[in-house]
């Protein structure tokens, strides 16, 4: 991701929600906080891995169609 960002290349990274939803959406952490609003929007997200931190601008697309 850092390579793509350093070259200013847009990219898609799908994230599938797993597990239970947070009881209180205002205190949700990680990708859970994007599910609380129930609408598509742009937001920022801070990713941490092995002591490195990257702040990224993301577009959140919420698809509320029922799963078959």
Protein backbone atom coordinates (compact mmCIF):
# COMPACT_ATOMS: atom_id res chain seq x y z
CA UNK A 1 0.00 0.00 0.00
CA UNK A 2 2.80 2.41 0.78
CA UNK A 3 4.34 1.82 -2.65
CA UNK A 4 1.05 2.60 -4.38
CA UNK A 5 0.50 5.67 -2.24
CA UNK A 6 4.03 6.97 -2.79
CA UNK A 7 3.40 6.79 -6.56
CA UNK A 8 -0.08 8.34 -6.08
CA UNK A 9 -1.78 5.30 -7.60
CA UNK A 10 -5.40 4.70 -6.58
CA UNK A 11 -6.25 1.13 -5.58
CA UNK A 12 -9.11 -0.97 -4.24
CA UNK A 13 -8.86 -3.18 -1.20
CA UNK A 14 -12.07 -5.03 -0.36
CA UNK A 15 -12.75 -5.72 3.31
CA UNK A 16 -15.30 -8.30 4.34
CA UNK A 17 -16.88 -7.85 7.75
CA UNK A 18 -16.69 -10.92 9.96
CA UNK A 19 -18.04 -11.47 13.45
CA UNK A 20 -20.61 -9.62 15.50
CA UNK A 21 -21.31 -5.95 15.16
CA UNK A 22 -20.30 -3.66 18.00
CA UNK A 23 -23.03 -2.99 20.56
CA UNK A 24 -22.27 0.74 20.49
CA UNK A 25 -21.25 1.98 17.00
CA UNK A 26 -19.75 5.18 18.44
CA UNK A 27 -17.08 3.19 20.33
CA UNK A 28 -16.43 0.58 17.61
CA UNK A 29 -12.81 -0.02 16.61
CA UNK A 30 -11.10 -1.11 13.39
CA UNK A 31 -13.31 -1.67 10.37
CA UNK A 32 -16.33 -2.04 12.68
CA UNK A 33 -16.61 1.75 12.90
CA UNK A 34 -17.35 2.00 9.17
CA UNK A 35 -20.43 -0.22 9.51
CA UNK A 36 -22.19 1.87 12.16
CA UNK A 37 -23.30 4.72 9.92
CA UNK A 38 -24.79 2.41 7.27
CA UNK A 39 -23.94 4.78 4.42
CA UNK A 40 -21.20 5.21 1.82
CA UNK A 41 -18.68 8.01 2.39
CA UNK A 42 -15.01 9.06 2.43
CA UNK A 43 -13.08 8.72 5.69
CA UNK A 44 -9.57 8.29 7.07
CA UNK A 45 -8.16 5.14 8.65
CA UNK A 46 -4.93 4.56 10.53
CA UNK A 47 -3.30 1.19 9.91
CA UNK A 48 -0.64 -0.24 12.22
CA UNK A 49 1.65 -3.18 11.54
CA UNK A 50 4.93 -4.12 13.24
CA UNK A 51 5.49 -0.67 14.72
CA UNK A 52 4.77 1.16 11.47
CA UNK A 53 1.78 3.44 11.05
CA UNK A 54 0.10 4.60 7.85
CA UNK A 55 -2.81 7.04 7.70
CA UNK A 56 -4.89 6.50 4.58
CA UNK A 57 -7.85 8.24 2.96
CA UNK A 58 -10.50 5.66 2.09
CA UNK A 59 -13.81 5.50 0.32
CA UNK A 60 -16.32 3.37 2.21
CA UNK A 61 -19.01 1.67 0.14
CA UNK A 62 -21.80 0.10 2.19
CA UNK A 63 -23.79 -2.62 0.42
CA UNK A 64 -26.86 -3.58 2.43
CA UNK A 65 -28.28 -6.16 0.08
CA UNK A 66 -29.26 -9.41 1.82
CA UNK A 67 -26.87 -12.31 1.40
CA UNK A 68 -28.31 -15.33 -0.38
